[in-house]
Amino acid sequence: MDIRTLCLGILSLGEATGYEIKKMVTEGRFSFFSEASFGSIYPALTQMTGEGLVACRTEAQGNRPDKKVYSLTDAGRAYLEEQLAEAPRPDRNRSDFLAALLFAEAVSPERIEDLIIERVSLHDEQIALLKAHLKDEQGTVSRFVLEYGLAMQQAARRFLAENRARLTAQPDKRTG
């Protein structure tokens, strides 16, 4: 999903600042499915404000700079609906972990074991976070999406746990 559609989707849930959007994408329920940086969020919000897709108001914050609060306009809602009517692109499975494993024969079996242990631990953390988000989520569609993400994390963790010996029990081919 492009940054514009992501921002509009988040704003369809209620008004937010750029910081709040970033936080939702890095720590909230969107963090499991999307990525966005301040360097992409703020320019997108500025552009969409100029196009009339979002409205922006400022709030004074005392000793800090004014805060910009964004909300979805009717034109923004129509644009979001238009974007969501199109089929999403296929999921991309890009993984630094899998790329590192592609070159596993260049490192010791101990390092491969460490990589797998670290990844299983990361899956455990993600599973716990998704479960925590599920406890608070009331929406049917949001629950479905979180459950889908949870199932993916659990399946990846299970695969690693069940198949790690296939990599870690291999003799070191560099010496062979």
C-alpha atoms as a PDB file:
ATOM      1  CA  MET A   1       0.000   0.000   0.000  1.00  0.00           C
ATOM      2  CA  ASP A   2       1.400   3.378  -0.879  1.00  0.00           C
ATOM      3  CA  ILE A   3       1.962   5.993   1.805  1.00  0.00           C
ATOM      4  CA  ARG A   4      -0.933   8.172   0.657  1.00  0.00           C
ATOM      5  CA  THR A   5      -3.464   5.360   0.937  1.00  0.00           C
ATOM      6  CA  LEU A   6      -2.008   4.283   4.282  1.00  0.00           C
ATOM      7  CA  CYS A   7      -2.314   7.822   5.702  1.00  0.00           C
ATOM      8  CA  LEU A   8      -5.836   8.240   4.346  1.00  0.00           C
ATOM      9  CA  GLY A   9      -6.834   4.869   5.785  1.00  0.00           C
ATOM     10  CA  ILE A  10      -5.516   5.813   9.215  1.00  0.00           C
ATOM     11  CA  LEU A  11      -7.251   9.192   9.033  1.00  0.00           C
ATOM     12  CA  SER A  12     -10.507   7.413   8.141  1.00  0.00           C
ATOM     13  CA  LEU A  13     -10.399   6.071  11.705  1.00  0.00           C
ATOM     14  CA  GLY A  14     -10.123   9.578  13.157  1.00  0.00           C
ATOM     15  CA  GLU A  15      -7.998  12.692  13.060  1.00  0.00           C
ATOM     16  CA  ALA A  16      -4.293  12.370  13.845  1.00  0.00           C
ATOM     17  CA  THR A  17      -0.988  14.198  13.752  1.00  0.00           C
ATOM     18  CA  GLY A  18       1.879  13.030  11.573  1.00  0.00           C
ATOM     19  CA  TYR A  19       3.606  11.836  14.748  1.00  0.00           C
ATOM     20  CA  GLU A  20       0.548   9.796  15.745  1.00  0.00           C
ATOM     21  CA  ILE A  21       0.380   8.238  12.274  1.00  0.00           C
ATOM     22  CA  LYS A  22       4.068   7.312  12.508  1.00  0.00           C
ATOM     23  CA  LYS A  23       3.531   5.828  15.969  1.00  0.00           C
ATOM     24  CA  MET A  24       0.591   3.720  14.719  1.00  0.00           C
ATOM     25  CA  VAL A  25       2.785   2.401  11.905  1.00  0.00           C
ATOM     26  CA  THR A  26       5.824   1.684  14.086  1.00  0.00           C
ATOM     27  CA  GLU A  27       4.233   0.551  17.364  1.00  0.00           C
ATOM     28  CA  GLY A  28       0.515   0.099  16.796  1.00  0.00           C
ATOM     29  CA  ARG A  29      -1.529  -2.483  15.022  1.00  0.00           C
ATOM     30  CA  PHE A  30      -0.350  -1.235  11.615  1.00  0.00           C
ATOM     31  CA  SER A  31       3.282  -2.012  12.458  1.00  0.00           C
ATOM     32  CA  PHE A  32       2.822  -5.635  11.475  1.00  0.00           C
ATOM     33  CA  PHE A  33       1.725  -4.861   7.944  1.00  0.00           C
ATOM     34  CA  SER A  34       3.133  -1.511   6.827  1.00  0.00           C
ATOM     35  CA  GLU A  35       6.191   0.684   7.003  1.00  0.00           C
ATOM     36  CA  ALA A  36       6.442   4.434   6.792  1.00  0.00           C
ATOM     37  CA  SER A  37       8.973   7.026   7.837  1.00  0.00           C
ATOM     38  CA  PHE A  38       8.529  10.642   8.866  1.00  0.00           C
ATOM     39  CA  GLY A  39      10.297  11.427   5.584  1.00  0.00           C
ATOM     40  CA  SER A  40       7.400   9.881   3.671  1.00  0.00           C
ATOM     41  CA  ILE A  41       4.452  10.653   5.978  1.00  0.00           C
ATOM     42  CA  TYR A  42       4.864  14.435   6.235  1.00  0.00           C
ATOM     43  CA  PRO A  43       5.378  15.088   2.506  1.00  0.00           C
ATOM     44  CA  ALA A  44       2.353  12.904   1.720  1.00  0.00           C
ATOM     45  CA  LEU A  45       0.207  14.783   4.251  1.00  0.00           C
ATOM     46  CA  THR A  46       1.383  18.141   2.886  1.00  0.00           C
ATOM     47  CA  GLN A  47       0.644  17.103  -0.703  1.00  0.00           C
ATOM     48  CA  MET A  48      -2.768  15.675   0.164  1.00  0.00           C
ATOM     49  CA  THR A  49      -3.633  18.844   2.099  1.00  0.00           C
ATOM     50  CA  GLY A  50      -2.857  20.836  -1.040  1.00  0.00           C
ATOM     51  CA  GLU A  51      -5.044  18.502  -3.082  1.00  0.00           C
ATOM     52  CA  GLY A  52      -7.940  18.813  -0.623  1.00  0.00           C
ATOM     53  CA  LEU A  53      -7.850  15.148   0.400  1.00  0.00           C
ATOM     54  CA  VAL A  54      -7.058  16.009   4.014  1.00  0.00           C
ATOM     55  CA  ALA A  55      -7.699  19.069   6.136  1.00  0.00           C
ATOM     56  CA  CYS A  56      -5.128  20.426   8.547  1.00  0.00           C
ATOM     57  CA  ARG A  57      -5.619  22.553  11.634  1.00  0.00           C
ATOM     58  CA  THR A  58      -3.009  23.722  14.095  1.00  0.00           C
ATOM     59  CA  GLU A  59      -3.180  23.486  17.858  1.00  0.00           C
ATOM     60  CA  ALA A  60      -1.007  25.605  20.137  1.00  0.00           C
ATOM     61  CA  GLN A  61       1.114  23.628  22.602  1.00  0.00           C
ATOM     62  CA  GLY A  62       2.536  26.229  24.957  1.00  0.00           C
ATOM     63  CA  ASN A  63       6.322  26.045  24.939  1.00  0.00           C
ATOM     64  CA  ARG A  64       6.442  23.680  21.972  1.00  0.00           C
ATOM     65  CA  PRO A  65       5.800  24.274  18.282  1.00  0.00           C
ATOM     66  CA  ASP A  66       2.172  24.204  17.153  1.00  0.00           C
ATOM     67  CA  LYS A  67       0.821  20.756  16.417  1.00  0.00           C
ATOM     68  CA  LYS A  68      -0.744  19.995  13.014  1.00  0.00           C
ATOM     69  CA  VAL A  69      -3.803  17.772  13.242  1.00  0.00           C
ATOM     70  CA  TYR A  70      -5.003  16.138  10.029  1.00  0.00           C
ATOM     71  CA  SER A  71      -8.462  14.856   9.172  1.00  0.00           C
ATOM     72  CA  LEU A  72     -10.005  13.205   6.152  1.00  0.00           C
ATOM     73  CA  THR A  73     -12.152  15.327   3.834  1.00  0.00           C
ATOM     74  CA  ASP A  74     -15.039  14.038   1.738  1.00  0.00           C
ATOM     75  CA  ALA A  75     -12.719  14.138  -1.285  1.00  0.00           C
ATOM     76  CA  GLY A  76     -10.144  12.152   0.698  1.00  0.00           C
ATOM     77  CA  ARG A  77     -12.723   9.548   1.661  1.00  0.00           C
ATOM     78  CA  ALA A  78     -13.771   9.196  -1.998  1.00  0.00           C
ATOM     79  CA  TYR A  79     -10.119   8.897  -3.063  1.00  0.00           C
ATOM     80  CA  LEU A  80      -9.500   6.262  -0.368  1.00  0.00           C
ATOM     81  CA  GLU A  81     -12.518   4.261  -1.525  1.00  0.00           C
ATOM     82  CA  GLU A  82     -11.227   4.495  -5.094  1.00  0.00           C
ATOM     83  CA  GLN A  83      -7.800   3.219  -4.060  1.00  0.00           C
ATOM     84  CA  LEU A  84      -9.249   0.382  -1.980  1.00  0.00           C
ATOM     85  CA  ALA A  85     -11.465  -0.707  -4.887  1.00  0.00           C
ATOM     86  CA  GLU A  86      -8.309  -1.683  -6.785  1.00  0.00           C
ATOM     87  CA  ALA A  87      -6.763  -5.069  -6.100  1.00  0.00           C
ATOM     88  CA  PRO A  88      -3.760  -4.755  -3.795  1.00  0.00           C
ATOM     89  CA  ARG A  89      -0.354  -5.678  -5.128  1.00  0.00           C
ATOM     90  CA  PRO A  90       0.899  -9.136  -4.176  1.00  0.00           C
ATOM     91  CA  ASP A  91       2.584  -9.339  -0.780  1.00  0.00           C
ATOM     92  CA  ARG A  92       6.352  -9.034  -0.908  1.00  0.00           C
ATOM     93  CA  ASN A  93       8.305 -11.369   1.277  1.00  0.00           C
ATOM     94  CA  ARG A  94      11.533  -9.480   1.730  1.00  0.00           C
ATOM     95  CA  SER A  95      13.557 -10.694   4.648  1.00  0.00           C
ATOM     96  CA  ASP A  96      17.065  -9.875   5.781  1.00  0.00           C
ATOM     97  CA  PHE A  97      16.859 -13.074   7.824  1.00  0.00           C
ATOM     98  CA  LEU A  98      16.160 -15.252   4.777  1.00  0.00           C
ATOM     99  CA  ALA A  99      18.814 -13.436   2.772  1.00  0.00           C
ATOM    100  CA  ALA A 100      21.330 -14.180   5.534  1.00  0.00           C
ATOM    101  CA  LEU A 101      20.306 -17.841   5.502  1.00  0.00           C
ATOM    102  CA  LEU A 102      20.911 -17.998   1.747  1.00  0.00           C
ATOM    103  CA  PHE A 103      24.572 -17.516   2.571  1.00  0.00           C
ATOM    104  CA  ALA A 104      24.537 -19.782   5.603  1.00  0.00           C
ATOM    105  CA  GLU A 105      27.245 -22.042   4.268  1.00  0.00           C
ATOM    106  CA  ALA A 106      29.680 -19.127   4.588  1.00  0.00           C
ATOM    107  CA  VAL A 107      29.272 -18.994   8.373  1.00  0.00           C
ATOM    108  CA  SER A 108      29.626 -21.487  11.192  1.00  0.00           C
ATOM    109  CA  PRO A 109      26.774 -23.800  12.182  1.00  0.00           C
ATOM    110  CA  GLU A 110      26.781 -21.992  15.528  1.00  0.00           C
ATOM    111  CA  ARG A 111      26.002 -18.688  13.806  1.00  0.00           C
ATOM    112  CA  ILE A 112      23.165 -20.333  11.877  1.00  0.00           C
ATOM    113  CA  GLU A 113      21.795 -21.646  15.170  1.00  0.00           C
ATOM    114  CA  ASP A 114      22.063 -18.136  16.674  1.00  0.00           C
ATOM    115  CA  LEU A 115      20.218 -16.636  13.677  1.00  0.00           C
ATOM    116  CA  ILE A 116      17.392 -19.118  14.093  1.00  0.00           C
ATOM    117  CA  ILE A 117      17.193 -18.623  17.873  1.00  0.00           C
ATOM    118  CA  GLU A 118      17.084 -14.840  17.392  1.00  0.00           C
ATOM    119  CA  ARG A 119      14.340 -15.154  14.776  1.00  0.00           C
ATOM    120  CA  VAL A 120      12.236 -17.516  16.906  1.00  0.00           C
ATOM    121  CA  SER A 121      12.558 -15.005  19.753  1.00  0.00           C
ATOM    122  CA  LEU A 122      11.464 -12.185  17.444  1.00  0.00           C
ATOM    123  CA  HIS A 123       8.435 -14.216  16.340  1.00  0.00           C
ATOM    124  CA  ASP A 124       7.596 -14.807  20.016  1.00  0.00           C
ATOM    125  CA  GLU A 125       7.697 -11.034  20.630  1.00  0.00           C
ATOM    126  CA  GLN A 126       5.523 -10.319  17.592  1.00  0.00           C
ATOM    127  CA  ILE A 127       3.044 -13.012  18.620  1.00  0.00           C
ATOM    128  CA  ALA A 128       2.775 -11.496  22.111  1.00  0.00           C
ATOM    129  CA  LEU A 129       2.250  -7.995  20.673  1.00  0.00           C
ATOM    130  CA  LEU A 130      -0.421  -9.176  18.247  1.00  0.00           C
ATOM    131  CA  LYS A 131      -2.222 -11.003  21.049  1.00  0.00           C
ATOM    132  CA  ALA A 132      -2.097  -7.827  23.160  1.00  0.00           C
ATOM    133  CA  HIS A 133      -3.586  -5.793  20.297  1.00  0.00           C
ATOM    134  CA  LEU A 134      -6.296  -8.430  19.860  1.00  0.00           C
ATOM    135  CA  LYS A 135      -7.373  -8.067  23.508  1.00  0.00           C
ATOM    136  CA  ASP A 136      -8.202  -4.407  22.887  1.00  0.00           C
ATOM    137  CA  GLU A 137      -9.654  -4.704  19.391  1.00  0.00           C
ATOM    138  CA  GLN A 138     -13.424  -4.721  18.970  1.00  0.00           C
ATOM    139  CA  GLY A 139     -13.800  -4.300  15.195  1.00  0.00           C
ATOM    140  CA  THR A 140     -14.556  -7.445  13.210  1.00  0.00           C
ATOM    141  CA  VAL A 141     -12.335  -6.542  10.246  1.00  0.00           C
ATOM    142  CA  SER A 142      -9.490  -5.291  12.447  1.00  0.00           C
ATOM    143  CA  ARG A 143      -9.622  -8.486  14.505  1.00  0.00           C
ATOM    144  CA  PHE A 144      -9.509 -10.550  11.311  1.00  0.00           C
ATOM    145  CA  VAL A 145      -6.415  -8.678  10.079  1.00  0.00           C
ATOM    146  CA  LEU A 146      -4.651  -9.044  13.437  1.00  0.00           C
ATOM    147  CA  GLU A 147      -5.570 -12.747  13.585  1.00  0.00           C
ATOM    148  CA  TYR A 148      -4.206 -13.207  10.058  1.00  0.00           C
ATOM    149  CA  GLY A 149      -0.930 -11.568  11.092  1.00  0.00           C
ATOM    150  CA  LEU A 150      -0.844 -13.717  14.222  1.00  0.00           C
ATOM    151  CA  ALA A 151      -1.355 -16.883  12.157  1.00  0.00           C
ATOM    152  CA  MET A 152       1.527 -15.865   9.858  1.00  0.00           C
ATOM    153  CA  GLN A 153       3.875 -15.231  12.792  1.00  0.00           C
ATOM    154  CA  GLN A 154       2.881 -18.508  14.448  1.00  0.00           C
ATOM    155  CA  ALA A 155       3.366 -20.459  11.223  1.00  0.00           C
ATOM    156  CA  ALA A 156       6.831 -18.966  10.650  1.00  0.00           C
ATOM    157  CA  ARG A 157       7.835 -19.698  14.254  1.00  0.00           C
ATOM    158  CA  ARG A 158       6.505 -23.262  14.013  1.00  0.00           C
ATOM    159  CA  PHE A 159       8.375 -23.846  10.723  1.00  0.00           C
ATOM    160  CA  LEU A 160      11.661 -22.689  12.255  1.00  0.00           C
ATOM    161  CA  ALA A 161      11.161 -24.771  15.398  1.00  0.00           C
ATOM    162  CA  GLU A 162      10.276 -27.891  13.420  1.00  0.00           C
ATOM    163  CA  ASN A 163      12.966 -27.516  10.730  1.00  0.00           C
ATOM    164  CA  ARG A 164      15.954 -25.839  12.391  1.00  0.00           C
ATOM    165  CA  ALA A 165      17.869 -29.132  12.584  1.00  0.00           C
ATOM    166  CA  ARG A 166      17.929 -29.283   8.782  1.00  0.00           C
ATOM    167  CA  LEU A 167      20.334 -26.317   8.841  1.00  0.00           C
ATOM    168  CA  THR A 168      22.063 -26.618  12.183  1.00  0.00           C
ATOM    169  CA  ALA A 169      22.854 -30.338  11.906  1.00  0.00           C
ATOM    170  CA  GLN A 170      24.581 -29.911   8.539  1.00  0.00           C
ATOM    171  CA  PRO A 171      28.359 -30.323   8.525  1.00  0.00           C
ATOM    172  CA  ASP A 172      30.336 -27.171   7.842  1.00  0.00           C
ATOM    173  CA  LYS A 173      30.808 -27.371   4.034  1.00  0.00           C
ATOM    174  CA  ARG A 174      33.674 -24.875   4.091  1.00  0.00           C
ATOM    175  CA  THR A 175      35.998 -27.483   5.577  1.00  0.00           C
ATOM    176  CA  GLY A 176      34.760 -30.421   3.578  1.00  0.00           C
END
